[in-house]
PDB file of N, CA and C in Angstrom:
ATOM      1  N   MET A   1      18.304   5.348  16.141  1.00  0.00           N
ATOM      2  CA  MET A   1      17.290   4.420  15.677  1.00  0.00           C
ATOM      3  C   MET A   1      15.912   5.065  15.654  1.00  0.00           C
ATOM      4  N   GLU A   2      15.674   5.943  16.616  1.00  0.00           N
ATOM      5  CA  GLU A   2      14.362   6.583  16.694  1.00  0.00           C
ATOM      6  C   GLU A   2      14.111   7.476  15.479  1.00  0.00           C
ATOM      7  N   ILE A   3      15.129   8.167  15.020  1.00  0.00           N
ATOM      8  CA  ILE A   3      14.979   9.025  13.835  1.00  0.00           C
ATOM      9  C   ILE A   3      14.674   8.166  12.609  1.00  0.00           C
ATOM     10  N   LEU A   4      15.379   7.049  12.472  1.00  0.00           N
ATOM     11  CA  LEU A   4      15.124   6.140  11.352  1.00  0.00           C
ATOM     12  C   LEU A   4      13.688   5.634  11.395  1.00  0.00           C
ATOM     13  N   LYS A   5      13.222   5.257  12.579  1.00  0.00           N
ATOM     14  CA  LYS A   5      11.846   4.782  12.725  1.00  0.00           C
ATOM     15  C   LYS A   5      10.853   5.865  12.310  1.00  0.00           C
ATOM     16  N   LEU A   6      11.073   7.089  12.744  1.00  0.00           N
ATOM     17  CA  LEU A   6      10.166   8.190  12.396  1.00  0.00           C
ATOM     18  C   LEU A   6      10.163   8.471  10.896  1.00  0.00           C
ATOM     19  N   VAL A   7      11.324   8.399  10.275  1.00  0.00           N
ATOM     20  CA  VAL A   7      11.409   8.600   8.820  1.00  0.00           C
ATOM     21  C   VAL A   7      10.652   7.491   8.093  1.00  0.00           C
ATOM     22  N   LEU A   8      10.827   6.250   8.554  1.00  0.00           N
ATOM     23  CA  LEU A   8      10.116   5.127   7.927  1.00  0.00           C
ATOM     24  C   LEU A   8       8.602   5.237   8.126  1.00  0.00           C
ATOM     25  N   VAL A   9       8.168   5.636   9.310  1.00  0.00           N
ATOM     26  CA  VAL A   9       6.727   5.801   9.556  1.00  0.00           C
ATOM     27  C   VAL A   9       6.170   6.904   8.667  1.00  0.00           C
ATOM     28  N   ALA A  10       6.887   8.013   8.557  1.00  0.00           N
ATOM     29  CA  ALA A  10       6.430   9.108   7.694  1.00  0.00           C
ATOM     30  C   ALA A  10       6.336   8.643   6.239  1.00  0.00           C
ATOM     31  N   ALA A  11       7.340   7.927   5.763  1.00  0.00           N
ATOM     32  CA  ALA A  11       7.313   7.410   4.387  1.00  0.00           C
ATOM     33  C   ALA A  11       6.175   6.403   4.213  1.00  0.00           C
ATOM     34  N   HIS A  12       5.922   5.593   5.230  1.00  0.00           N
ATOM     35  CA  HIS A  12       4.829   4.622   5.179  1.00  0.00           C
ATOM     36  C   HIS A  12       3.477   5.343   5.048  1.00  0.00           C
ATOM     37  N   PHE A  13       3.300   6.409   5.830  1.00  0.00           N
ATOM     38  CA  PHE A  13       2.063   7.196   5.744  1.00  0.00           C
ATOM     39  C   PHE A  13       1.927   7.877   4.386  1.00  0.00           C
ATOM     40  N   LEU A  14       3.024   8.381   3.857  1.00  0.00           N
ATOM     41  CA  LEU A  14       2.974   9.016   2.538  1.00  0.00           C
ATOM     42  C   LEU A  14       2.625   8.009   1.446  1.00  0.00           C
ATOM     43  N   GLY A  15       3.145   6.796   1.557  1.00  0.00           N
ATOM     44  CA  GLY A  15       2.789   5.740   0.615  1.00  0.00           C
ATOM     45  C   GLY A  15       1.306   5.421   0.679  1.00  0.00           C
ATOM     46  N   MET A  16       0.776   5.328   1.898  1.00  0.00           N
ATOM     47  CA  MET A  16      -0.654   5.081   2.071  1.00  0.00           C
ATOM     48  C   MET A  16      -1.471   6.227   1.491  1.00  0.00           C
ATOM     49  N   ALA A  17      -1.037   7.449   1.738  1.00  0.00           N
ATOM     50  CA  ALA A  17      -1.760   8.611   1.214  1.00  0.00           C
ATOM     51  C   ALA A  17      -1.763   8.627  -0.311  1.00  0.00           C
ATOM     52  N   ALA A  18      -0.662   8.216  -0.916  1.00  0.00           N
ATOM     53  CA  ALA A  18      -0.587   8.183  -2.382  1.00  0.00           C
ATOM     54  C   ALA A  18      -1.596   7.184  -2.954  1.00  0.00           C
ATOM     55  N   ILE A  19      -1.705   6.029  -2.319  1.00  0.00           N
ATOM     56  CA  ILE A  19      -2.642   5.010  -2.817  1.00  0.00           C
ATOM     57  C   ILE A  19      -4.081   5.433  -2.557  1.00  0.00           C
ATOM     58  N   VAL A  20      -4.392   5.683  -1.296  1.00  0.00           N
ATOM     59  CA  VAL A  20      -5.780   5.968  -0.913  1.00  0.00           C
ATOM     60  C   VAL A  20      -6.240   7.299  -1.497  1.00  0.00           C
ATOM     61  N   GLY A  21      -5.365   8.295  -1.501  1.00  0.00           N
ATOM     62  CA  GLY A  21      -5.725   9.592  -2.064  1.00  0.00           C
ATOM     63  C   GLY A  21      -6.044   9.514  -3.547  1.00  0.00           C
ATOM     64  N   SER A  22      -5.159   8.866  -4.304  1.00  0.00           N
ATOM     65  CA  SER A  22      -5.413   8.758  -5.748  1.00  0.00           C
ATOM     66  C   SER A  22      -6.627   7.878  -6.019  1.00  0.00           C
ATOM     67  N   PHE A  23      -6.865   6.890  -5.160  1.00  0.00           N
ATOM     68  CA  PHE A  23      -8.043   6.035  -5.317  1.00  0.00           C
ATOM     69  C   PHE A  23      -9.322   6.840  -5.131  1.00  0.00           C
ATOM     70  N   PHE A  24      -9.414   7.593  -4.039  1.00  0.00           N
ATOM     71  CA  PHE A  24     -10.638   8.347  -3.786  1.00  0.00           C
ATOM     72  C   PHE A  24     -10.869   9.459  -4.808  1.00  0.00           C
ATOM     73  N   VAL A  25      -9.802  10.073  -5.279  1.00  0.00           N
ATOM     74  CA  VAL A  25      -9.946  11.133  -6.276  1.00  0.00           C
ATOM     75  C   VAL A  25     -10.446  10.579  -7.609  1.00  0.00           C
ATOM     76  N   GLN A  26     -10.015   9.369  -7.971  1.00  0.00           N
ATOM     77  CA  GLN A  26     -10.313   8.828  -9.303  1.00  0.00           C
ATOM     78  C   GLN A  26     -11.347   7.704  -9.312  1.00  0.00           C
ATOM     79  N   MET A  27     -11.901   7.340  -8.195  1.00  0.00           N
ATOM     80  CA  MET A  27     -12.715   6.127  -8.133  1.00  0.00           C
ATOM     81  C   MET A  27     -13.973   6.175  -9.001  1.00  0.00           C
ATOM     82  N   ARG A  28     -14.464   7.328  -9.368  1.00  0.00           N
ATOM     83  CA  ARG A  28     -15.660   7.411 -10.199  1.00  0.00           C
ATOM     84  C   ARG A  28     -15.350   7.427 -11.691  1.00  0.00           C
ATOM     85  N   ARG A  29     -14.073   7.480 -12.033  1.00  0.00           N
ATOM     86  CA  ARG A  29     -13.698   7.482 -13.449  1.00  0.00           C
ATOM     87  C   ARG A  29     -13.955   6.127 -14.085  1.00  0.00           C
ATOM     88  N   LYS A  30     -14.158   6.162 -15.370  1.00  0.00           N
ATOM     89  CA  LYS A  30     -14.306   4.920 -16.143  1.00  0.00           C
ATOM     90  C   LYS A  30     -13.021   4.599 -16.914  1.00  0.00           C
ATOM     91  N   SER A  31     -12.203   5.629 -17.169  1.00  0.00           N
ATOM     92  CA  SER A  31     -10.954   5.447 -17.920  1.00  0.00           C
ATOM     93  C   SER A  31     -10.002   6.584 -17.577  1.00  0.00           C
ATOM     94  N   ASP A  32      -8.862   6.596 -18.253  1.00  0.00           N
ATOM     95  CA  ASP A  32      -7.836   7.637 -18.074  1.00  0.00           C
ATOM     96  C   ASP A  32      -7.348   7.753 -16.626  1.00  0.00           C
ATOM     97  N   PHE A  33      -7.083   6.617 -16.007  1.00  0.00           N
ATOM     98  CA  PHE A  33      -6.581   6.611 -14.638  1.00  0.00           C
ATOM     99  C   PHE A  33      -5.122   7.041 -14.615  1.00  0.00           C
ATOM    100  N   VAL A  34      -4.750   7.829 -13.620  1.00  0.00           N
ATOM    101  CA  VAL A  34      -3.355   8.175 -13.367  1.00  0.00           C
ATOM    102  C   VAL A  34      -2.855   7.155 -12.343  1.00  0.00           C
ATOM    103  N   LEU A  35      -1.968   6.275 -12.778  1.00  0.00           N
ATOM    104  CA  LEU A  35      -1.580   5.133 -11.956  1.00  0.00           C
ATOM    105  C   LEU A  35      -0.242   5.277 -11.245  1.00  0.00           C
ATOM    106  N   THR A  36       0.531   6.294 -11.586  1.00  0.00           N
ATOM    107  CA  THR A  36       1.848   6.458 -10.976  1.00  0.00           C
ATOM    108  C   THR A  36       1.782   6.565  -9.451  1.00  0.00           C
ATOM    109  N   PRO A  37       0.885   7.403  -8.880  1.00  0.00           N
ATOM    110  CA  PRO A  37       0.832   7.462  -7.411  1.00  0.00           C
ATOM    111  C   PRO A  37       0.442   6.125  -6.782  1.00  0.00           C
ATOM    112  N   LEU A  38      -0.424   5.407  -7.444  1.00  0.00           N
ATOM    113  CA  LEU A  38      -0.850   4.098  -6.944  1.00  0.00           C
ATOM    114  C   LEU A  38       0.332   3.127  -6.885  1.00  0.00           C
ATOM    115  N   LEU A  39       1.090   3.058  -7.950  1.00  0.00           N
ATOM    116  CA  LEU A  39       2.226   2.141  -8.019  1.00  0.00           C
ATOM    117  C   LEU A  39       3.341   2.555  -7.062  1.00  0.00           C
ATOM    118  N   VAL A  40       3.692   3.834  -7.063  1.00  0.00           N
ATOM    119  CA  VAL A  40       4.756   4.311  -6.176  1.00  0.00           C
ATOM    120  C   VAL A  40       4.342   4.136  -4.717  1.00  0.00           C
ATOM    121  N   GLY A  41       3.083   4.417  -4.410  1.00  0.00           N
ATOM    122  CA  GLY A  41       2.599   4.235  -3.047  1.00  0.00           C
ATOM    123  C   GLY A  41       2.633   2.785  -2.618  1.00  0.00           C
ATOM    124  N   ALA A  42       2.256   1.874  -3.518  1.00  0.00           N
ATOM    125  CA  ALA A  42       2.261   0.447  -3.191  1.00  0.00           C
ATOM    126  C   ALA A  42       3.685  -0.056  -2.940  1.00  0.00           C
ATOM    127  N   ILE A  43       4.618   0.373  -3.765  1.00  0.00           N
ATOM    128  CA  ILE A  43       6.018  -0.013  -3.557  1.00  0.00           C
ATOM    129  C   ILE A  43       6.524   0.543  -2.225  1.00  0.00           C
ATOM    130  N   THR A  44       6.208   1.804  -1.963  1.00  0.00           N
ATOM    131  CA  THR A  44       6.626   2.449  -0.718  1.00  0.00           C
ATOM    132  C   THR A  44       6.056   1.726   0.492  1.00  0.00           C
ATOM    133  N   GLN A  45       4.792   1.345   0.417  1.00  0.00           N
ATOM    134  CA  GLN A  45       4.144   0.649   1.526  1.00  0.00           C
ATOM    135  C   GLN A  45       4.846  -0.668   1.852  1.00  0.00           C
ATOM    136  N   VAL A  46       5.119  -1.458   0.835  1.00  0.00           N
ATOM    137  CA  VAL A  46       5.746  -2.769   1.078  1.00  0.00           C
ATOM    138  C   VAL A  46       7.162  -2.590   1.619  1.00  0.00           C
ATOM    139  N   VAL A  47       7.937  -1.720   1.004  1.00  0.00           N
ATOM    140  CA  VAL A  47       9.332  -1.541   1.421  1.00  0.00           C
ATOM    141  C   VAL A  47       9.422  -0.964   2.830  1.00  0.00           C
ATOM    142  N   THR A  48       8.674   0.104   3.105  1.00  0.00           N
ATOM    143  CA  THR A  48       8.758   0.714   4.435  1.00  0.00           C
ATOM    144  C   THR A  48       8.127  -0.179   5.502  1.00  0.00           C
ATOM    145  N   GLY A  49       7.082  -0.907   5.138  1.00  0.00           N
ATOM    146  CA  GLY A  49       6.483  -1.839   6.095  1.00  0.00           C
ATOM    147  C   GLY A  49       7.460  -2.917   6.515  1.00  0.00           C
ATOM    148  N   LEU A  50       8.143  -3.504   5.549  1.00  0.00           N
ATOM    149  CA  LEU A  50       9.157  -4.520   5.867  1.00  0.00           C
ATOM    150  C   LEU A  50      10.296  -3.920   6.687  1.00  0.00           C
ATOM    151  N   ALA A  51      10.701  -2.716   6.347  1.00  0.00           N
ATOM    152  CA  ALA A  51      11.778  -2.059   7.091  1.00  0.00           C
ATOM    153  C   ALA A  51      11.342  -1.765   8.526  1.00  0.00           C
ATOM    154  N   LEU A  52      10.101  -1.354   8.720  1.00  0.00           N
ATOM    155  CA  LEU A  52       9.605  -1.095  10.072  1.00  0.00           C
ATOM    156  C   LEU A  52       9.551  -2.373  10.911  1.00  0.00           C
ATOM    157  N   VAL A  53       9.140  -3.466  10.308  1.00  0.00           N
ATOM    158  CA  VAL A  53       9.123  -4.737  11.032  1.00  0.00           C
ATOM    159  C   VAL A  53      10.551  -5.169  11.373  1.00  0.00           C
ATOM    160  N   GLY A  54      11.463  -5.036  10.430  1.00  0.00           N
ATOM    161  CA  GLY A  54      12.857  -5.373  10.702  1.00  0.00           C
ATOM    162  C   GLY A  54      13.446  -4.526  11.814  1.00  0.00           C
ATOM    163  N   LEU A  55      13.142  -3.242  11.804  1.00  0.00           N
ATOM    164  CA  LEU A  55      13.633  -2.345  12.849  1.00  0.00           C
ATOM    165  C   LEU A  55      13.029  -2.707  14.208  1.00  0.00           C
ATOM    166  N   ALA A  56      11.741  -3.040  14.217  1.00  0.00           N
ATOM    167  CA  ALA A  56      11.088  -3.443  15.467  1.00  0.00           C
ATOM    168  C   ALA A  56      11.690  -4.734  16.005  1.00  0.00           C
ATOM    169  N   GLU A  57      11.987  -5.660  15.110  1.00  0.00           N
ATOM    170  CA  GLU A  57      12.651  -6.909  15.520  1.00  0.00           C
ATOM    171  C   GLU A  57      14.022  -6.610  16.118  1.00  0.00           C
ATOM    172  N   ALA A  58      14.767  -5.734  15.470  1.00  0.00           N
ATOM    173  CA  ALA A  58      16.124  -5.419  15.917  1.00  0.00           C
ATOM    174  C   ALA A  58      16.145  -4.732  17.276  1.00  0.00           C
ATOM    175  N   THR A  59      15.113  -3.956  17.566  1.00  0.00           N
ATOM    176  CA  THR A  59      15.072  -3.222  18.835  1.00  0.00           C
ATOM    177  C   THR A  59      14.314  -3.972  19.915  1.00  0.00           C
ATOM    178  N   GLY A  60      13.810  -5.163  19.599  1.00  0.00           N
ATOM    179  CA  GLY A  60      13.158  -5.992  20.605  1.00  0.00           C
ATOM    180  C   GLY A  60      11.729  -5.613  20.933  1.00  0.00           C
ATOM    181  N   ASP A  61      11.070  -4.870  20.061  1.00  0.00           N
ATOM    182  CA  ASP A  61       9.675  -4.506  20.284  1.00  0.00           C
ATOM    183  C   ASP A  61       8.789  -5.746  20.192  1.00  0.00           C
ATOM    184  N   ASP A  62       7.668  -5.713  20.921  1.00  0.00           N
ATOM    185  CA  ASP A  62       6.684  -6.790  20.813  1.00  0.00           C
ATOM    186  C   ASP A  62       5.904  -6.623  19.515  1.00  0.00           C
ATOM    187  N   LEU A  63       5.762  -7.710  18.776  1.00  0.00           N
ATOM    188  CA  LEU A  63       5.077  -7.664  17.486  1.00  0.00           C
ATOM    189  C   LEU A  63       3.927  -8.665  17.466  1.00  0.00           C
ATOM    190  N   ILE A  64       2.890  -8.329  16.728  1.00  0.00           N
ATOM    191  CA  ILE A  64       1.774  -9.244  16.506  1.00  0.00           C
ATOM    192  C   ILE A  64       1.989  -9.826  15.109  1.00  0.00           C
ATOM    193  N   TYR A  65       2.549 -11.021  15.055  1.00  0.00           N
ATOM    194  CA  TYR A  65       2.960 -11.604  13.783  1.00  0.00           C
ATOM    195  C   TYR A  65       1.784 -11.933  12.866  1.00  0.00           C
ATOM    196  N   ALA A  66       0.649 -12.286  13.438  1.00  0.00           N
ATOM    197  CA  ALA A  66      -0.535 -12.551  12.612  1.00  0.00           C
ATOM    198  C   ALA A  66      -0.964 -11.278  11.891  1.00  0.00           C
ATOM    199  N   LYS A  67      -0.960 -10.164  12.602  1.00  0.00           N
ATOM    200  CA  LYS A  67      -1.321  -8.880  11.993  1.00  0.00           C
ATOM    201  C   LYS A  67      -0.325  -8.507  10.895  1.00  0.00           C
ATOM    202  N   ILE A  68       0.947  -8.697  11.167  1.00  0.00           N
ATOM    203  CA  ILE A  68       1.976  -8.394  10.177  1.00  0.00           C
ATOM    204  C   ILE A  68       1.783  -9.255   8.935  1.00  0.00           C
ATOM    205  N   GLY A  69       1.482 -10.529   9.140  1.00  0.00           N
ATOM    206  CA  GLY A  69       1.252 -11.425   8.004  1.00  0.00           C
ATOM    207  C   GLY A  69       0.054 -11.025   7.173  1.00  0.00           C
ATOM    208  N   VAL A  70      -1.042 -10.659   7.835  1.00  0.00           N
ATOM    209  CA  VAL A  70      -2.244 -10.227   7.111  1.00  0.00           C
ATOM    210  C   VAL A  70      -1.962  -8.946   6.344  1.00  0.00           C
ATOM    211  N   LYS A  71      -1.341  -7.965   7.011  1.00  0.00           N
ATOM    212  CA  LYS A  71      -1.059  -6.687   6.351  1.00  0.00           C
ATOM    213  C   LYS A  71      -0.080  -6.840   5.190  1.00  0.00           C
ATOM    214  N   LEU A  72       0.941  -7.690   5.370  1.00  0.00           N
ATOM    215  CA  LEU A  72       1.896  -7.915   4.285  1.00  0.00           C
ATOM    216  C   LEU A  72       1.218  -8.589   3.099  1.00  0.00           C
ATOM    217  N   THR A  73       0.370  -9.557   3.372  1.00  0.00           N
ATOM    218  CA  THR A  73      -0.348 -10.237   2.293  1.00  0.00           C
ATOM    219  C   THR A  73      -1.207  -9.247   1.507  1.00  0.00           C
ATOM    220  N   ILE A  74      -1.959  -8.429   2.217  1.00  0.00           N
ATOM    221  CA  ILE A  74      -2.808  -7.438   1.545  1.00  0.00           C
ATOM    222  C   ILE A  74      -1.938  -6.452   0.767  1.00  0.00           C
ATOM    223  N   ALA A  75      -0.835  -6.001   1.365  1.00  0.00           N
ATOM    224  CA  ALA A  75       0.041  -5.027   0.699  1.00  0.00           C
ATOM    225  C   ALA A  75       0.637  -5.595  -0.581  1.00  0.00           C
ATOM    226  N   VAL A  76       1.014  -6.861  -0.556  1.00  0.00           N
ATOM    227  CA  VAL A  76       1.568  -7.490  -1.760  1.00  0.00           C
ATOM    228  C   VAL A  76       0.493  -7.616  -2.834  1.00  0.00           C
ATOM    229  N   VAL A  77      -0.731  -7.948  -2.443  1.00  0.00           N
ATOM    230  CA  VAL A  77      -1.827  -8.027  -3.415  1.00  0.00           C
ATOM    231  C   VAL A  77      -2.113  -6.636  -3.999  1.00  0.00           C
ATOM    232  N   VAL A  78      -2.055  -5.602  -3.172  1.00  0.00           N
ATOM    233  CA  VAL A  78      -2.220  -4.225  -3.670  1.00  0.00           C
ATOM    234  C   VAL A  78      -1.122  -3.913  -4.689  1.00  0.00           C
ATOM    235  N   LEU A  79       0.108  -4.272  -4.374  1.00  0.00           N
ATOM    236  CA  LEU A  79       1.229  -4.029  -5.292  1.00  0.00           C
ATOM    237  C   LEU A  79       1.038  -4.781  -6.604  1.00  0.00           C
ATOM    238  N   VAL A  80       0.643  -6.034  -6.529  1.00  0.00           N
ATOM    239  CA  VAL A  80       0.408  -6.816  -7.752  1.00  0.00           C
ATOM    240  C   VAL A  80      -0.720  -6.196  -8.576  1.00  0.00           C
ATOM    241  N   ALA A  81      -1.801  -5.781  -7.911  1.00  0.00           N
ATOM    242  CA  ALA A  81      -2.916  -5.150  -8.636  1.00  0.00           C
ATOM    243  C   ALA A  81      -2.462  -3.842  -9.286  1.00  0.00           C
ATOM    244  N   ALA A  82      -1.624  -3.073  -8.598  1.00  0.00           N
ATOM    245  CA  ALA A  82      -1.117  -1.820  -9.177  1.00  0.00           C
ATOM    246  C   ALA A  82      -0.239  -2.105 -10.392  1.00  0.00           C
ATOM    247  N   ILE A  83       0.614  -3.121 -10.291  1.00  0.00           N
ATOM    248  CA  ILE A  83       1.464  -3.494 -11.429  1.00  0.00           C
ATOM    249  C   ILE A  83       0.604  -3.948 -12.602  1.00  0.00           C
ATOM    250  N   LEU A  84      -0.384  -4.786 -12.320  1.00  0.00           N
ATOM    251  CA  LEU A  84      -1.277  -5.254 -13.390  1.00  0.00           C
ATOM    252  C   LEU A  84      -2.066  -4.104 -14.009  1.00  0.00           C
ATOM    253  N   ALA A  85      -2.434  -3.116 -13.211  1.00  0.00           N
ATOM    254  CA  ALA A  85      -3.131  -1.944 -13.755  1.00  0.00           C
ATOM    255  C   ALA A  85      -2.235  -1.182 -14.722  1.00  0.00           C
ATOM    256  N   VAL A  86      -0.979  -0.984 -14.343  1.00  0.00           N
ATOM    257  CA  VAL A  86      -0.033  -0.269 -15.209  1.00  0.00           C
ATOM    258  C   VAL A  86       0.203  -1.048 -16.501  1.00  0.00           C
ATOM    259  N   VAL A  87       0.430  -2.346 -16.371  1.00  0.00           N
ATOM    260  CA  VAL A  87       0.677  -3.179 -17.556  1.00  0.00           C
ATOM    261  C   VAL A  87      -0.545  -3.195 -18.465  1.00  0.00           C
ATOM    262  N   THR A  88      -1.714  -3.341 -17.875  1.00  0.00           N
ATOM    263  CA  THR A  88      -2.961  -3.350 -18.650  1.00  0.00           C
ATOM    264  C   THR A  88      -3.175  -2.025 -19.359  1.00  0.00           C
ATOM    265  N   GLN A  89      -2.877  -0.921 -18.670  1.00  0.00           N
ATOM    266  CA  GLN A  89      -3.039   0.399 -19.289  1.00  0.00           C
ATOM    267  C   GLN A  89      -2.088   0.564 -20.473  1.00  0.00           C
ATOM    268  N   ARG A  90      -0.869   0.095 -20.343  1.00  0.00           N
ATOM    269  CA  ARG A  90       0.097   0.199 -21.437  1.00  0.00           C
ATOM    270  C   ARG A  90      -0.327  -0.623 -22.654  1.00  0.00           C
ATOM    271  N   LYS A  91      -1.035  -1.725 -22.401  1.00  0.00           N
ATOM    272  CA  LYS A  91      -1.521  -2.572 -23.497  1.00  0.00           C
ATOM    273  C   LYS A  91      -2.874  -2.110 -24.030  1.00  0.00           C
ATOM    274  N   GLY A  92      -3.422  -1.066 -23.422  1.00  0.00           N
ATOM    275  CA  GLY A  92      -4.690  -0.526 -23.895  1.00  0.00           C
ATOM    276  C   GLY A  92      -5.913  -1.271 -23.384  1.00  0.00           C
ATOM    277  N   GLY A  93      -5.745  -2.042 -22.332  1.00  0.00           N
ATOM    278  CA  GLY A  93      -6.850  -2.821 -21.784  1.00  0.00           C
ATOM    279  C   GLY A  93      -7.658  -2.055 -20.750  1.00  0.00           C
ATOM    280  N   ARG A  94      -8.565  -2.773 -20.100  1.00  0.00           N
ATOM    281  CA  ARG A  94      -9.467  -2.193 -19.113  1.00  0.00           C
ATOM    282  C   ARG A  94      -8.786  -2.197 -17.742  1.00  0.00           C
ATOM    283  N   VAL A  95      -8.473  -1.025 -17.230  1.00  0.00           N
ATOM    284  CA  VAL A  95      -7.711  -0.845 -16.005  1.00  0.00           C
ATOM    285  C   VAL A  95      -8.600  -0.846 -14.764  1.00  0.00           C
ATOM    286  N   GLN A  96      -9.841  -0.476 -14.929  1.00  0.00           N
ATOM    287  CA  GLN A  96     -10.738  -0.225 -13.804  1.00  0.00           C
ATOM    288  C   GLN A  96     -10.760  -1.336 -12.742  1.00  0.00           C
ATOM    289  N   PRO A  97     -10.866  -2.621 -13.080  1.00  0.00           N
ATOM    290  CA  PRO A  97     -10.899  -3.643 -12.017  1.00  0.00           C
ATOM    291  C   PRO A  97      -9.623  -3.689 -11.177  1.00  0.00           C
ATOM    292  N   TRP A  98      -8.474  -3.552 -11.819  1.00  0.00           N
ATOM    293  CA  TRP A  98      -7.208  -3.586 -11.077  1.00  0.00           C
ATOM    294  C   TRP A  98      -7.058  -2.350 -10.196  1.00  0.00           C
ATOM    295  N   PHE A  99      -7.452  -1.210 -10.719  1.00  0.00           N
ATOM    296  CA  PHE A  99      -7.387   0.042  -9.963  1.00  0.00           C
ATOM    297  C   PHE A  99      -8.248  -0.052  -8.706  1.00  0.00           C
ATOM    298  N   HIS A 100      -9.480  -0.527  -8.875  1.00  0.00           N
ATOM    299  CA  HIS A 100     -10.392  -0.622  -7.732  1.00  0.00           C
ATOM    300  C   HIS A 100      -9.958  -1.700  -6.743  1.00  0.00           C
ATOM    301  N   ALA A 101      -9.384  -2.772  -7.223  1.00  0.00           N
ATOM    302  CA  ALA A 101      -8.868  -3.808  -6.326  1.00  0.00           C
ATOM    303  C   ALA A 101      -7.741  -3.244  -5.464  1.00  0.00           C
ATOM    304  N   ALA A 102      -6.808  -2.547  -6.095  1.00  0.00           N
ATOM    305  CA  ALA A 102      -5.678  -1.978  -5.353  1.00  0.00           C
ATOM    306  C   ALA A 102      -6.152  -0.944  -4.341  1.00  0.00           C
ATOM    307  N   GLY A 103      -7.003  -0.034  -4.765  1.00  0.00           N
ATOM    308  CA  GLY A 103      -7.476   1.010  -3.861  1.00  0.00           C
ATOM    309  C   GLY A 103      -8.338   0.474  -2.736  1.00  0.00           C
ATOM    310  N   GLY A 104      -9.248  -0.413  -3.059  1.00  0.00           N
ATOM    311  CA  GLY A 104     -10.125  -0.982  -2.035  1.00  0.00           C
ATOM    312  C   GLY A 104      -9.363  -1.797  -1.009  1.00  0.00           C
ATOM    313  N   LEU A 105      -8.421  -2.608  -1.471  1.00  0.00           N
ATOM    314  CA  LEU A 105      -7.618  -3.398  -0.535  1.00  0.00           C
ATOM    315  C   LEU A 105      -6.702  -2.524   0.313  1.00  0.00           C
ATOM    316  N   ALA A 106      -6.236  -1.411  -0.239  1.00  0.00           N
ATOM    317  CA  ALA A 106      -5.419  -0.487   0.552  1.00  0.00           C
ATOM    318  C   ALA A 106      -6.251   0.124   1.682  1.00  0.00           C
ATOM    319  N   VAL A 107      -7.495   0.451   1.392  1.00  0.00           N
ATOM    320  CA  VAL A 107      -8.383   0.973   2.437  1.00  0.00           C
ATOM    321  C   VAL A 107      -8.603  -0.095   3.508  1.00  0.00           C
ATOM    322  N   ILE A 108      -8.806  -1.333   3.093  1.00  0.00           N
ATOM    323  CA  ILE A 108      -8.963  -2.431   4.054  1.00  0.00           C
ATOM    324  C   ILE A 108      -7.696  -2.573   4.902  1.00  0.00           C
ATOM    325  N   ASN A 109      -6.545  -2.421   4.291  1.00  0.00           N
ATOM    326  CA  ASN A 109      -5.286  -2.524   5.033  1.00  0.00           C
ATOM    327  C   ASN A 109      -5.169  -1.420   6.084  1.00  0.00           C
ATOM    328  N   VAL A 110      -5.624  -0.231   5.752  1.00  0.00           N
ATOM    329  CA  VAL A 110      -5.638   0.858   6.741  1.00  0.00           C
ATOM    330  C   VAL A 110      -6.556   0.485   7.910  1.00  0.00           C
ATOM    331  N   LEU A 111      -7.720  -0.066   7.605  1.00  0.00           N
ATOM    332  CA  LEU A 111      -8.648  -0.461   8.656  1.00  0.00           C
ATOM    333  C   LEU A 111      -8.070  -1.559   9.539  1.00  0.00           C
ATOM    334  N   VAL A 112      -7.359  -2.504   8.932  1.00  0.00           N
ATOM    335  CA  VAL A 112      -6.701  -3.554   9.713  1.00  0.00           C
ATOM    336  C   VAL A 112      -5.675  -2.925  10.649  1.00  0.00           C
ATOM    337  N   ALA A 113      -4.897  -1.984  10.136  1.00  0.00           N
ATOM    338  CA  ALA A 113      -3.872  -1.323  10.948  1.00  0.00           C
ATOM    339  C   ALA A 113      -4.491  -0.580  12.135  1.00  0.00           C
ATOM    340  N   VAL A 114      -5.606   0.060  11.914  1.00  0.00           N
ATOM    341  CA  VAL A 114      -6.234   0.875  12.950  1.00  0.00           C
ATOM    342  C   VAL A 114      -6.951   0.028  13.999  1.00  0.00           C
ATOM    343  N   PHE A 115      -7.702  -0.959  13.545  1.00  0.00           N
ATOM    344  CA  PHE A 115      -8.598  -1.657  14.457  1.00  0.00           C
ATOM    345  C   PHE A 115      -8.037  -2.952  15.060  1.00  0.00           C
ATOM    346  N   TRP A 116      -6.918  -3.442  14.575  1.00  0.00           N
ATOM    347  CA  TRP A 116      -6.342  -4.682  15.112  1.00  0.00           C
ATOM    348  C   TRP A 116      -5.200  -4.341  16.060  1.00  0.00           C
ATOM    349  N   GLY A 117      -5.452  -4.488  17.326  1.00  0.00           N
ATOM    350  CA  GLY A 117      -4.487  -4.338  18.407  1.00  0.00           C
ATOM    351  C   GLY A 117      -3.473  -3.313  18.158  1.00  0.00           C
TER     352      GLY A 117
END
């Protein structure tokens, strides 16, 4: 179980790095956003986050359910914003608001993870 947990944590960190890294690299752009890392990172974050909570439940770890609820809510909003950015880009629309929403909320989610218990 410990190996599975470590693999999930590593994948969770890589998902976060994909979102936050691509956000910081591209945040000054006005167009031509590369959205694949944002979308893949958002999917990875939600899936591995849920898997980590399930694993913690199964092993009897103490959990802060309010924190999990807040982080899951933010992660789902990041995922929706990433999906909307991809769809908007394919239709030739303005991607910038969705891109910044996803990246900014991902940074907030990192801060919640670090500073909340």
